Amino acid sequence: MDYFRDGGWGMWAILLGAIVFAAYAASRPKDERSGVLLGGCIFVIIQGVLGMATGMVAVSHAVAEGGPLAGRGAEMTAVGLGELANCGTFSSVLAMALGLGAIVTRPKRPTLSSSPA
């Protein structure tokens, strides 16, 4: 649970997005599931980048303001970058799962037979 807490609110948005796309794909006809899962894969990656970007902004503000940790900017930056990376790793794992789901559920294409005429 620390992994989610350290990643911030973006982690929950990423998880919710993946669940919504997976549930929507499950409710679609078989020949449409692959496209929905591929869309979910892209959406989750974008959410991960957004979570990392908002984390970077939070880190830069915390370092700039100083506060009780003034003089420890390098340490604050290192900890903050580690925490915001959680959004990236989590979205990567979910994107991989959705992408593999898209590959597995893609409709089979008919093959051309090479029989002599």
PDB file of N, CA and C in Angstrom:
ATOM      1  N   MET A   1       0.821  -1.200   0.000  1.00  0.00           N
ATOM      2  CA  MET A   1       0.000   0.000   0.000  1.00  0.00           C
ATOM      3  C   MET A   1       0.860   1.257   0.000  1.00  0.00           C
ATOM      4  N   ASP A   2       2.078   1.174   0.535  1.00  0.00           N
ATOM      5  CA  ASP A   2       2.973   2.334   0.482  1.00  0.00           C
ATOM      6  C   ASP A   2       3.276   2.718  -0.961  1.00  0.00           C
ATOM      7  N   TYR A   3       3.344   1.715  -1.822  1.00  0.00           N
ATOM      8  CA  TYR A   3       3.605   1.962  -3.240  1.00  0.00           C
ATOM      9  C   TYR A   3       2.529   2.887  -3.808  1.00  0.00           C
ATOM     10  N   PHE A   4       1.272   2.622  -3.500  1.00  0.00           N
ATOM     11  CA  PHE A   4       0.170   3.463  -3.972  1.00  0.00           C
ATOM     12  C   PHE A   4       0.185   4.824  -3.288  1.00  0.00           C
ATOM     13  N   ARG A   5       0.394   4.844  -1.997  1.00  0.00           N
ATOM     14  CA  ARG A   5       0.408   6.110  -1.260  1.00  0.00           C
ATOM     15  C   ARG A   5       1.527   7.011  -1.774  1.00  0.00           C
ATOM     16  N   ASP A   6       2.710   6.439  -1.980  1.00  0.00           N
ATOM     17  CA  ASP A   6       3.840   7.235  -2.463  1.00  0.00           C
ATOM     18  C   ASP A   6       3.602   7.752  -3.878  1.00  0.00           C
ATOM     19  N   GLY A   7       2.892   6.974  -4.695  1.00  0.00           N
ATOM     20  CA  GLY A   7       2.617   7.392  -6.069  1.00  0.00           C
ATOM     21  C   GLY A   7       1.601   8.513  -6.173  1.00  0.00           C
ATOM     22  N   GLY A   8       0.787   8.686  -5.153  1.00  0.00           N
ATOM     23  CA  GLY A   8      -0.181   9.779  -5.134  1.00  0.00           C
ATOM     24  C   GLY A   8      -1.496   9.431  -5.811  1.00  0.00           C
ATOM     25  N   TRP A   9      -2.305  10.468  -6.008  1.00  0.00           N
ATOM     26  CA  TRP A   9      -3.649  10.285  -6.547  1.00  0.00           C
ATOM     27  C   TRP A   9      -3.630   9.703  -7.953  1.00  0.00           C
ATOM     28  N   GLY A  10      -2.561   9.939  -8.694  1.00  0.00           N
ATOM     29  CA  GLY A  10      -2.477   9.441 -10.065  1.00  0.00           C
ATOM     30  C   GLY A  10      -2.545   7.926 -10.147  1.00  0.00           C
ATOM     31  N   MET A  11      -2.063   7.262  -9.116  1.00  0.00           N
ATOM     32  CA  MET A  11      -2.095   5.798  -9.100  1.00  0.00           C
ATOM     33  C   MET A  11      -3.537   5.290  -9.129  1.00  0.00           C
ATOM     34  N   TRP A  12      -4.401   5.934  -8.384  1.00  0.00           N
ATOM     35  CA  TRP A  12      -5.802   5.519  -8.345  1.00  0.00           C
ATOM     36  C   TRP A  12      -6.491   5.812  -9.671  1.00  0.00           C
ATOM     37  N   ALA A  13      -6.153   6.929 -10.299  1.00  0.00           N
ATOM     38  CA  ALA A  13      -6.726   7.248 -11.607  1.00  0.00           C
ATOM     39  C   ALA A  13      -6.282   6.224 -12.650  1.00  0.00           C
ATOM     40  N   ILE A  14      -5.023   5.809 -12.592  1.00  0.00           N
ATOM     41  CA  ILE A  14      -4.507   4.808 -13.527  1.00  0.00           C
ATOM     42  C   ILE A  14      -5.244   3.483 -13.334  1.00  0.00           C
ATOM     43  N   LEU A  15      -5.384   3.055 -12.088  1.00  0.00           N
ATOM     44  CA  LEU A  15      -6.077   1.803 -11.799  1.00  0.00           C
ATOM     45  C   LEU A  15      -7.526   1.857 -12.258  1.00  0.00           C
ATOM     46  N   LEU A  16      -8.207   2.946 -11.957  1.00  0.00           N
ATOM     47  CA  LEU A  16      -9.600   3.090 -12.367  1.00  0.00           C
ATOM     48  C   LEU A  16      -9.729   3.053 -13.892  1.00  0.00           C
ATOM     49  N   GLY A  17      -8.834   3.752 -14.586  1.00  0.00           N
ATOM     50  CA  GLY A  17      -8.868   3.748 -16.050  1.00  0.00           C
ATOM     51  C   GLY A  17      -8.692   2.352 -16.627  1.00  0.00           C
ATOM     52  N   ALA A  18      -7.749   1.591 -16.080  1.00  0.00           N
ATOM     53  CA  ALA A  18      -7.514   0.230 -16.563  1.00  0.00           C
ATOM     54  C   ALA A  18      -8.732  -0.658 -16.313  1.00  0.00           C
ATOM     55  N   ILE A  19      -9.339  -0.524 -15.137  1.00  0.00           N
ATOM     56  CA  ILE A  19     -10.515  -1.339 -14.811  1.00  0.00           C
ATOM     57  C   ILE A  19     -11.681  -0.994 -15.734  1.00  0.00           C
ATOM     58  N   VAL A  20     -11.895   0.288 -15.974  1.00  0.00           N
ATOM     59  CA  VAL A  20     -13.002   0.712 -16.846  1.00  0.00           C
ATOM     60  C   VAL A  20     -12.811   0.169 -18.260  1.00  0.00           C
ATOM     61  N   PHE A  21     -11.594   0.286 -18.803  1.00  0.00           N
ATOM     62  CA  PHE A  21     -11.361  -0.212 -20.156  1.00  0.00           C
ATOM     63  C   PHE A  21     -11.490  -1.733 -20.221  1.00  0.00           C
ATOM     64  N   ALA A  22     -10.992  -2.440 -19.217  1.00  0.00           N
ATOM     65  CA  ALA A  22     -11.108  -3.900 -19.218  1.00  0.00           C
ATOM     66  C   ALA A  22     -12.574  -4.334 -19.116  1.00  0.00           C
ATOM     67  N   ALA A  23     -13.333  -3.669 -18.276  1.00  0.00           N
ATOM     68  CA  ALA A  23     -14.752  -4.009 -18.134  1.00  0.00           C
ATOM     69  C   ALA A  23     -15.522  -3.686 -19.412  1.00  0.00           C
ATOM     70  N   TYR A  24     -15.206  -2.547 -20.022  1.00  0.00           N
ATOM     71  CA  TYR A  24     -15.876  -2.186 -21.270  1.00  0.00           C
ATOM     72  C   TYR A  24     -15.538  -3.184 -22.372  1.00  0.00           C
ATOM     73  N   ALA A  25     -14.273  -3.599 -22.430  1.00  0.00           N
ATOM     74  CA  ALA A  25     -13.863  -4.579 -23.447  1.00  0.00           C
ATOM     75  C   ALA A  25     -14.604  -5.899 -23.241  1.00  0.00           C
ATOM     76  N   ALA A  26     -14.777  -6.297 -21.991  1.00  0.00           N
ATOM     77  CA  ALA A  26     -15.471  -7.551 -21.701  1.00  0.00           C
ATOM     78  C   ALA A  26     -16.941  -7.494 -22.112  1.00  0.00           C
ATOM     79  N   SER A  27     -17.513  -6.303 -22.144  1.00  0.00           N
ATOM     80  CA  SER A  27     -18.923  -6.171 -22.504  1.00  0.00           C
ATOM     81  C   SER A  27     -19.138  -6.044 -24.015  1.00  0.00           C
ATOM     82  N   ARG A  28     -18.071  -5.910 -24.778  1.00  0.00           N
ATOM     83  CA  ARG A  28     -18.183  -5.757 -26.231  1.00  0.00           C
ATOM     84  C   ARG A  28     -18.154  -7.108 -26.925  1.00  0.00           C
ATOM     85  N   PRO A  29     -18.620  -7.150 -28.173  1.00  0.00           N
ATOM     86  CA  PRO A  29     -18.492  -8.399 -28.934  1.00  0.00           C
ATOM     87  C   PRO A  29     -17.006  -8.771 -29.111  1.00  0.00           C
ATOM     88  N   LYS A  30     -16.753 -10.048 -29.320  1.00  0.00           N
ATOM     89  CA  LYS A  30     -15.376 -10.537 -29.374  1.00  0.00           C
ATOM     90  C   LYS A  30     -14.518  -9.811 -30.410  1.00  0.00           C
ATOM     91  N   ASP A  31     -15.081  -9.486 -31.558  1.00  0.00           N
ATOM     92  CA  ASP A  31     -14.268  -8.854 -32.605  1.00  0.00           C
ATOM     93  C   ASP A  31     -13.937  -7.387 -32.311  1.00  0.00           C
ATOM     94  N   GLU A  32     -14.536  -6.791 -31.281  1.00  0.00           N
ATOM     95  CA  GLU A  32     -14.257  -5.400 -30.912  1.00  0.00           C
ATOM     96  C   GLU A  32     -13.358  -5.265 -29.686  1.00  0.00           C
ATOM     97  N   ARG A  33     -13.135  -6.349 -28.969  1.00  0.00           N
ATOM     98  CA  ARG A  33     -12.393  -6.281 -27.708  1.00  0.00           C
ATOM     99  C   ARG A  33     -10.953  -5.826 -27.883  1.00  0.00           C
ATOM    100  N   SER A  34     -10.308  -6.273 -28.928  1.00  0.00           N
ATOM    101  CA  SER A  34      -8.900  -5.941 -29.134  1.00  0.00           C
ATOM    102  C   SER A  34      -8.697  -4.436 -29.263  1.00  0.00           C
ATOM    103  N   GLY A  35      -9.559  -3.786 -30.018  1.00  0.00           N
ATOM    104  CA  GLY A  35      -9.449  -2.338 -30.193  1.00  0.00           C
ATOM    105  C   GLY A  35      -9.673  -1.573 -28.897  1.00  0.00           C
ATOM    106  N   VAL A  36     -10.627  -2.029 -28.110  1.00  0.00           N
ATOM    107  CA  VAL A  36     -10.901  -1.375 -26.826  1.00  0.00           C
ATOM    108  C   VAL A  36      -9.709  -1.534 -25.889  1.00  0.00           C
ATOM    109  N   LEU A  37      -9.152  -2.736 -25.829  1.00  0.00           N
ATOM    110  CA  LEU A  37      -7.997  -2.972 -24.962  1.00  0.00           C
ATOM    111  C   LEU A  37      -6.773  -2.185 -25.417  1.00  0.00           C
ATOM    112  N   LEU A  38      -6.600  -2.050 -26.714  1.00  0.00           N
ATOM    113  CA  LEU A  38      -5.492  -1.243 -27.232  1.00  0.00           C
ATOM    114  C   LEU A  38      -5.682   0.224 -26.855  1.00  0.00           C
ATOM    115  N   GLY A  39      -6.914   0.706 -26.956  1.00  0.00           N
ATOM    116  CA  GLY A  39      -7.206   2.067 -26.513  1.00  0.00           C
ATOM    117  C   GLY A  39      -6.929   2.252 -25.035  1.00  0.00           C
ATOM    118  N   GLY A  40      -7.278   1.248 -24.226  1.00  0.00           N
ATOM    119  CA  GLY A  40      -6.987   1.295 -22.795  1.00  0.00           C
ATOM    120  C   GLY A  40      -5.496   1.317 -22.521  1.00  0.00           C
ATOM    121  N   CYS A  41      -4.747   0.570 -23.303  1.00  0.00           N
ATOM    122  CA  CYS A  41      -3.289   0.546 -23.170  1.00  0.00           C
ATOM    123  C   CYS A  41      -2.711   1.945 -23.369  1.00  0.00           C
ATOM    124  N   ILE A  42      -3.136   2.609 -24.419  1.00  0.00           N
ATOM    125  CA  ILE A  42      -2.652   3.963 -24.709  1.00  0.00           C
ATOM    126  C   ILE A  42      -3.112   4.940 -23.629  1.00  0.00           C
ATOM    127  N   PHE A  43      -4.352   4.823 -23.202  1.00  0.00           N
ATOM    128  CA  PHE A  43      -4.899   5.709 -22.174  1.00  0.00           C
ATOM    129  C   PHE A  43      -4.128   5.592 -20.863  1.00  0.00           C
ATOM    130  N   VAL A  44      -3.806   4.363 -20.466  1.00  0.00           N
ATOM    131  CA  VAL A  44      -3.080   4.134 -19.215  1.00  0.00           C
ATOM    132  C   VAL A  44      -1.657   4.699 -19.295  1.00  0.00           C
ATOM    133  N   ILE A  45      -1.021   4.588 -20.448  1.00  0.00           N
ATOM    134  CA  ILE A  45       0.315   5.173 -20.615  1.00  0.00           C
ATOM    135  C   ILE A  45       0.252   6.696 -20.466  1.00  0.00           C
ATOM    136  N   ILE A  46      -0.751   7.306 -21.086  1.00  0.00           N
ATOM    137  CA  ILE A  46      -0.909   8.756 -20.980  1.00  0.00           C
ATOM    138  C   ILE A  46      -1.169   9.158 -19.532  1.00  0.00           C
ATOM    139  N   GLN A  47      -1.982   8.388 -18.825  1.00  0.00           N
ATOM    140  CA  GLN A  47      -2.235   8.681 -17.412  1.00  0.00           C
ATOM    141  C   GLN A  47      -0.952   8.566 -16.590  1.00  0.00           C
ATOM    142  N   GLY A  48      -0.108   7.596 -16.889  1.00  0.00           N
ATOM    143  CA  GLY A  48       1.155   7.444 -16.185  1.00  0.00           C
ATOM    144  C   GLY A  48       2.078   8.626 -16.395  1.00  0.00           C
ATOM    145  N   VAL A  49       2.136   9.105 -17.622  1.00  0.00           N
ATOM    146  CA  VAL A  49       2.955  10.290 -17.918  1.00  0.00           C
ATOM    147  C   VAL A  49       2.402  11.506 -17.187  1.00  0.00           C
ATOM    148  N   LEU A  50       1.086  11.646 -17.166  1.00  0.00           N
ATOM    149  CA  LEU A  50       0.462  12.757 -16.447  1.00  0.00           C
ATOM    150  C   LEU A  50       0.753  12.669 -14.952  1.00  0.00           C
ATOM    151  N   GLY A  51       0.663  11.477 -14.378  1.00  0.00           N
ATOM    152  CA  GLY A  51       0.968  11.298 -12.958  1.00  0.00           C
ATOM    153  C   GLY A  51       2.417  11.636 -12.651  1.00  0.00           C
ATOM    154  N   MET A  52       3.321  11.241 -13.538  1.00  0.00           N
ATOM    155  CA  MET A  52       4.735  11.572 -13.332  1.00  0.00           C
ATOM    156  C   MET A  52       4.963  13.074 -13.443  1.00  0.00           C
ATOM    157  N   ALA A  53       4.291  13.709 -14.401  1.00  0.00           N
ATOM    158  CA  ALA A  53       4.454  15.156 -14.582  1.00  0.00           C
ATOM    159  C   ALA A  53       3.935  15.932 -13.377  1.00  0.00           C
ATOM    160  N   THR A  54       2.773  15.545 -12.862  1.00  0.00           N
ATOM    161  CA  THR A  54       2.262  16.248 -11.683  1.00  0.00           C
ATOM    162  C   THR A  54       3.150  15.989 -10.473  1.00  0.00           C
ATOM    163  N   GLY A  55       3.746  14.795 -10.404  1.00  0.00           N
ATOM    164  CA  GLY A  55       4.690  14.512  -9.334  1.00  0.00           C
ATOM    165  C   GLY A  55       5.937  15.382  -9.421  1.00  0.00           C
ATOM    166  N   MET A  56       6.426  15.611 -10.641  1.00  0.00           N
ATOM    167  CA  MET A  56       7.594  16.475 -10.830  1.00  0.00           C
ATOM    168  C   MET A  56       7.302  17.909 -10.406  1.00  0.00           C
ATOM    169  N   VAL A  57       6.097  18.368 -10.723  1.00  0.00           N
ATOM    170  CA  VAL A  57       5.707  19.716 -10.309  1.00  0.00           C
ATOM    171  C   VAL A  57       5.658  19.795  -8.788  1.00  0.00           C
ATOM    172  N   ALA A  58       5.100  18.790  -8.143  1.00  0.00           N
ATOM    173  CA  ALA A  58       5.024  18.790  -6.676  1.00  0.00           C
ATOM    174  C   ALA A  58       6.424  18.778  -6.060  1.00  0.00           C
ATOM    175  N   VAL A  59       7.331  18.001  -6.624  1.00  0.00           N
ATOM    176  CA  VAL A  59       8.702  17.947  -6.115  1.00  0.00           C
ATOM    177  C   VAL A  59       9.384  19.298  -6.271  1.00  0.00           C
ATOM    178  N   SER A  60       9.229  19.907  -7.444  1.00  0.00           N
ATOM    179  CA  SER A  60       9.898  21.195  -7.671  1.00  0.00           C
ATOM    180  C   SER A  60       9.355  22.275  -6.735  1.00  0.00           C
ATOM    181  N   HIS A  61       8.051  22.258  -6.472  1.00  0.00           N
ATOM    182  CA  HIS A  61       7.478  23.230  -5.536  1.00  0.00           C
ATOM    183  C   HIS A  61       7.977  22.992  -4.111  1.00  0.00           C
ATOM    184  N   ALA A  62       8.049  21.728  -3.717  1.00  0.00           N
ATOM    185  CA  ALA A  62       8.510  21.411  -2.365  1.00  0.00           C
ATOM    186  C   ALA A  62       9.965  21.822  -2.168  1.00  0.00           C
ATOM    187  N   VAL A  63      10.795  21.604  -3.185  1.00  0.00           N
ATOM    188  CA  VAL A  63      12.212  21.976  -3.077  1.00  0.00           C
ATOM    189  C   VAL A  63      12.358  23.491  -3.074  1.00  0.00           C
ATOM    190  N   ALA A  64      11.573  24.169  -3.906  1.00  0.00           N
ATOM    191  CA  ALA A  64      11.670  25.629  -3.991  1.00  0.00           C
ATOM    192  C   ALA A  64      11.207  26.309  -2.705  1.00  0.00           C
ATOM    193  N   GLU A  65      10.161  25.773  -2.100  1.00  0.00           N
ATOM    194  CA  GLU A  65       9.624  26.378  -0.870  1.00  0.00           C
ATOM    195  C   GLU A  65      10.480  26.064   0.349  1.00  0.00           C
ATOM    196  N   GLY A  66      11.163  24.949   0.329  1.00  0.00           N
ATOM    197  CA  GLY A  66      12.028  24.601   1.456  1.00  0.00           C
ATOM    198  C   GLY A  66      11.246  24.131   2.652  1.00  0.00           C
ATOM    199  N   GLY A  67      10.751  25.039   3.439  1.00  0.00           N
ATOM    200  CA  GLY A  67       9.992  24.682   4.642  1.00  0.00           C
ATOM    201  C   GLY A  67      10.874  24.025   5.680  1.00  0.00           C
ATOM    202  N   PRO A  68      10.323  23.049   6.392  1.00  0.00           N
ATOM    203  CA  PRO A  68      11.095  22.417   7.470  1.00  0.00           C
ATOM    204  C   PRO A  68      12.291  21.605   6.956  1.00  0.00           C
ATOM    205  N   LEU A  69      12.295  21.284   5.674  1.00  0.00           N
ATOM    206  CA  LEU A  69      13.401  20.508   5.110  1.00  0.00           C
ATOM    207  C   LEU A  69      14.369  21.380   4.317  1.00  0.00           C
ATOM    208  N   ALA A  70      14.402  22.663   4.599  1.00  0.00           N
ATOM    209  CA  ALA A  70      15.288  23.582   3.889  1.00  0.00           C
ATOM    210  C   ALA A  70      16.734  23.105   4.032  1.00  0.00           C
ATOM    211  N   GLY A  71      17.468  23.200   2.968  1.00  0.00           N
ATOM    212  CA  GLY A  71      18.855  22.768   2.961  1.00  0.00           C
ATOM    213  C   GLY A  71      19.030  21.306   2.602  1.00  0.00           C
ATOM    214  N   ARG A  72      17.923  20.599   2.429  1.00  0.00           N
ATOM    215  CA  ARG A  72      17.991  19.183   2.053  1.00  0.00           C
ATOM    216  C   ARG A  72      17.325  18.972   0.699  1.00  0.00           C
ATOM    217  N   GLY A  73      17.546  19.919  -0.206  1.00  0.00           N
ATOM    218  CA  GLY A  73      16.898  19.877  -1.518  1.00  0.00           C
ATOM    219  C   GLY A  73      17.245  18.648  -2.325  1.00  0.00           C
ATOM    220  N   ALA A  74      18.512  18.232  -2.288  1.00  0.00           N
ATOM    221  CA  ALA A  74      18.915  17.053  -3.053  1.00  0.00           C
ATOM    222  C   ALA A  74      18.218  15.798  -2.537  1.00  0.00           C
ATOM    223  N   GLU A  75      18.136  15.678  -1.225  1.00  0.00           N
ATOM    224  CA  GLU A  75      17.468  14.516  -0.638  1.00  0.00           C
ATOM    225  C   GLU A  75      15.977  14.535  -0.958  1.00  0.00           C
ATOM    226  N   MET A  76      15.347  15.710  -0.849  1.00  0.00           N
ATOM    227  CA  MET A  76      13.919  15.828  -1.167  1.00  0.00           C
ATOM    228  C   MET A  76      13.661  15.480  -2.635  1.00  0.00           C
ATOM    229  N   THR A  77      14.554  15.943  -3.510  1.00  0.00           N
ATOM    230  CA  THR A  77      14.395  15.661  -4.934  1.00  0.00           C
ATOM    231  C   THR A  77      14.515  14.168  -5.209  1.00  0.00           C
ATOM    232  N   ALA A  78      15.491  13.523  -4.602  1.00  0.00           N
ATOM    233  CA  ALA A  78      15.678  12.089  -4.817  1.00  0.00           C
ATOM    234  C   ALA A  78      14.476  11.287  -4.331  1.00  0.00           C
ATOM    235  N   VAL A  79      13.979  11.605  -3.166  1.00  0.00           N
ATOM    236  CA  VAL A  79      12.809  10.892  -2.634  1.00  0.00           C
ATOM    237  C   VAL A  79      11.592  11.159  -3.514  1.00  0.00           C
ATOM    238  N   GLY A  80      11.400  12.406  -3.899  1.00  0.00           N
ATOM    239  CA  GLY A  80      10.258  12.765  -4.741  1.00  0.00           C
ATOM    240  C   GLY A  80      10.287  12.083  -6.096  1.00  0.00           C
ATOM    241  N   LEU A  81      11.462  12.008  -6.710  1.00  0.00           N
ATOM    242  CA  LEU A  81      11.573  11.332  -8.011  1.00  0.00           C
ATOM    243  C   LEU A  81      11.288   9.840  -7.872  1.00  0.00           C
ATOM    244  N   GLY A  82      11.713   9.254  -6.771  1.00  0.00           N
ATOM    245  CA  GLY A  82      11.404   7.847  -6.534  1.00  0.00           C
ATOM    246  C   GLY A  82       9.915   7.607  -6.387  1.00  0.00           C
ATOM    247  N   GLU A  83       9.246   8.528  -5.706  1.00  0.00           N
ATOM    248  CA  GLU A  83       7.806   8.380  -5.514  1.00  0.00           C
ATOM    249  C   GLU A  83       7.042   8.594  -6.810  1.00  0.00           C
ATOM    250  N   LEU A  84       7.420   9.588  -7.587  1.00  0.00           N
ATOM    251  CA  LEU A  84       6.669   9.845  -8.820  1.00  0.00           C
ATOM    252  C   LEU A  84       6.921   8.774  -9.865  1.00  0.00           C
ATOM    253  N   ALA A  85       8.034   8.071  -9.761  1.00  0.00           N
ATOM    254  CA  ALA A  85       8.300   6.975 -10.689  1.00  0.00           C
ATOM    255  C   ALA A  85       7.305   5.835 -10.512  1.00  0.00           C
ATOM    256  N   ASN A  86       6.647   5.757  -9.368  1.00  0.00           N
ATOM    257  CA  ASN A  86       5.642   4.718  -9.143  1.00  0.00           C
ATOM    258  C   ASN A  86       4.517   4.809 -10.172  1.00  0.00           C
ATOM    259  N   CYS A  87       4.132   6.026 -10.545  1.00  0.00           N
ATOM    260  CA  CYS A  87       3.086   6.182 -11.565  1.00  0.00           C
ATOM    261  C   CYS A  87       3.553   5.594 -12.896  1.00  0.00           C
ATOM    262  N   GLY A  88       4.795   5.826 -13.228  1.00  0.00           N
ATOM    263  CA  GLY A  88       5.334   5.300 -14.485  1.00  0.00           C
ATOM    264  C   GLY A  88       5.420   3.791 -14.497  1.00  0.00           C
ATOM    265  N   THR A  89       5.913   3.198 -13.412  1.00  0.00           N
ATOM    266  CA  THR A  89       6.038   1.745 -13.390  1.00  0.00           C
ATOM    267  C   THR A  89       4.675   1.070 -13.345  1.00  0.00           C
ATOM    268  N   PHE A  90       3.758   1.636 -12.575  1.00  0.00           N
ATOM    269  CA  PHE A  90       2.426   1.043 -12.469  1.00  0.00           C
ATOM    270  C   PHE A  90       1.687   1.121 -13.805  1.00  0.00           C
ATOM    271  N   SER A  91       1.754   2.270 -14.463  1.00  0.00           N
ATOM    272  CA  SER A  91       1.067   2.390 -15.754  1.00  0.00           C
ATOM    273  C   SER A  91       1.716   1.489 -16.799  1.00  0.00           C
ATOM    274  N   SER A  92       3.023   1.286 -16.712  1.00  0.00           N
ATOM    275  CA  SER A  92       3.699   0.390 -17.653  1.00  0.00           C
ATOM    276  C   SER A  92       3.215  -1.048 -17.500  1.00  0.00           C
ATOM    277  N   VAL A  93       3.083  -1.500 -16.265  1.00  0.00           N
ATOM    278  CA  VAL A  93       2.616  -2.869 -16.015  1.00  0.00           C
ATOM    279  C   VAL A  93       1.178  -3.039 -16.505  1.00  0.00           C
ATOM    280  N   LEU A  94       0.316  -2.076 -16.198  1.00  0.00           N
ATOM    281  CA  LEU A  94      -1.077  -2.190 -16.648  1.00  0.00           C
ATOM    282  C   LEU A  94      -1.183  -2.063 -18.166  1.00  0.00           C
ATOM    283  N   ALA A  95      -0.378  -1.192 -18.773  1.00  0.00           N
ATOM    284  CA  ALA A  95      -0.392  -1.061 -20.233  1.00  0.00           C
ATOM    285  C   ALA A  95       0.056  -2.364 -20.883  1.00  0.00           C
ATOM    286  N   MET A  96       1.052  -3.008 -20.287  1.00  0.00           N
ATOM    287  CA  MET A  96       1.504  -4.284 -20.822  1.00  0.00           C
ATOM    288  C   MET A  96       0.393  -5.331 -20.727  1.00  0.00           C
ATOM    289  N   ALA A  97      -0.309  -5.361 -19.619  1.00  0.00           N
ATOM    290  CA  ALA A  97      -1.410  -6.320 -19.464  1.00  0.00           C
ATOM    291  C   ALA A  97      -2.528  -6.050 -20.472  1.00  0.00           C
ATOM    292  N   LEU A  98      -2.903  -4.789 -20.630  1.00  0.00           N
ATOM    293  CA  LEU A  98      -3.947  -4.447 -21.603  1.00  0.00           C
ATOM    294  C   LEU A  98      -3.476  -4.721 -23.030  1.00  0.00           C
ATOM    295  N   GLY A  99      -2.215  -4.419 -23.316  1.00  0.00           N
ATOM    296  CA  GLY A  99      -1.671  -4.677 -24.648  1.00  0.00           C
ATOM    297  C   GLY A  99      -1.631  -6.154 -24.973  1.00  0.00           C
ATOM    298  N   LEU A 100      -1.222  -6.974 -24.010  1.00  0.00           N
ATOM    299  CA  LEU A 100      -1.243  -8.424 -24.229  1.00  0.00           C
ATOM    300  C   LEU A 100      -2.668  -8.922 -24.416  1.00  0.00           C
ATOM    301  N   GLY A 101      -3.595  -8.341 -23.665  1.00  0.00           N
ATOM    302  CA  GLY A 101      -5.003  -8.690 -23.854  1.00  0.00           C
ATOM    303  C   GLY A 101      -5.479  -8.340 -25.252  1.00  0.00           C
ATOM    304  N   ALA A 102      -5.021  -7.210 -25.782  1.00  0.00           N
ATOM    305  CA  ALA A 102      -5.393  -6.811 -27.140  1.00  0.00           C
ATOM    306  C   ALA A 102      -4.830  -7.787 -28.169  1.00  0.00           C
ATOM    307  N   ILE A 103      -3.621  -8.259 -27.949  1.00  0.00           N
ATOM    308  CA  ILE A 103      -3.009  -9.217 -28.880  1.00  0.00           C
ATOM    309  C   ILE A 103      -3.754 -10.546 -28.844  1.00  0.00           C
ATOM    310  N   VAL A 104      -4.063 -11.011 -27.643  1.00  0.00           N
ATOM    311  CA  VAL A 104      -4.727 -12.309 -27.489  1.00  0.00           C
ATOM    312  C   VAL A 104      -6.149 -12.286 -28.055  1.00  0.00           C
ATOM    313  N   THR A 105      -6.838 -11.164 -27.924  1.00  0.00           N
ATOM    314  CA  THR A 105      -8.246 -11.109 -28.350  1.00  0.00           C
ATOM    315  C   THR A 105      -8.436 -10.596 -29.768  1.00  0.00           C
ATOM    316  N   ARG A 106      -7.369 -10.282 -30.462  1.00  0.00           N
ATOM    317  CA  ARG A 106      -7.553  -9.757 -31.823  1.00  0.00           C
ATOM    318  C   ARG A 106      -8.203 -10.816 -32.702  1.00  0.00           C
ATOM    319  N   PRO A 107      -9.051 -10.360 -33.616  1.00  0.00           N
ATOM    320  CA  PRO A 107      -9.728 -11.326 -34.495  1.00  0.00           C
ATOM    321  C   PRO A 107      -8.707 -12.006 -35.406  1.00  0.00           C
ATOM    322  N   LYS A 108      -8.936 -13.270 -35.653  1.00  0.00           N
ATOM    323  CA  LYS A 108      -8.059 -14.026 -36.545  1.00  0.00           C
ATOM    324  C   LYS A 108      -8.384 -13.661 -37.987  1.00  0.00           C
ATOM    325  N   ARG A 109      -7.340 -13.420 -38.751  1.00  0.00           N
ATOM    326  CA  ARG A 109      -7.536 -13.094 -40.171  1.00  0.00           C
ATOM    327  C   ARG A 109      -7.550 -14.385 -40.980  1.00  0.00           C
ATOM    328  N   PRO A 110      -8.404 -14.423 -41.961  1.00  0.00           N
ATOM    329  CA  PRO A 110      -8.403 -15.639 -42.806  1.00  0.00           C
ATOM    330  C   PRO A 110      -7.100 -15.690 -43.607  1.00  0.00           C
ATOM    331  N   THR A 111      -6.556 -16.876 -43.764  1.00  0.00           N
ATOM    332  CA  THR A 111      -5.314 -17.027 -44.529  1.00  0.00           C
ATOM    333  C   THR A 111      -5.651 -17.437 -45.945  1.00  0.00           C
ATOM    334  N   LEU A 112      -4.804 -17.007 -46.864  1.00  0.00           N
ATOM    335  CA  LEU A 112      -4.976 -17.384 -48.263  1.00  0.00           C
ATOM    336  C   LEU A 112      -4.349 -18.748 -48.463  1.00  0.00           C
ATOM    337  N   SER A 113      -5.092 -19.622 -49.026  1.00  0.00           N
ATOM    338  CA  SER A 113      -4.526 -20.956 -49.292  1.00  0.00           C
ATOM    339  C   SER A 113      -3.801 -20.903 -50.622  1.00  0.00           C
ATOM    340  N   SER A 114      -2.715 -21.611 -50.676  1.00  0.00           N
ATOM    341  CA  SER A 114      -1.895 -21.606 -51.899  1.00  0.00           C
ATOM    342  C   SER A 114      -2.097 -22.900 -52.669  1.00  0.00           C
ATOM    343  N   SER A 115      -3.347 -23.304 -52.813  1.00  0.00           N
ATOM    344  CA  SER A 115      -3.625 -24.545 -53.556  1.00  0.00           C
ATOM    345  C   SER A 115      -3.624 -24.248 -55.043  1.00  0.00           C
ATOM    346  N   PRO A 116      -3.088 -25.172 -55.815  1.00  0.00           N
ATOM    347  CA  PRO A 116      -3.050 -24.951 -57.274  1.00  0.00           C
ATOM    348  C   PRO A 116      -4.452 -24.965 -57.870  1.00  0.00           C
ATOM    349  N   ALA A 117      -4.653 -24.144 -58.866  1.00  0.00           N
ATOM    350  CA  ALA A 117      -5.980 -24.019 -59.474  1.00  0.00           C
ATOM    351  C   ALA A 117      -6.159 -24.965 -60.620  1.00  0.00           C
TER     352      ALA A 117
END
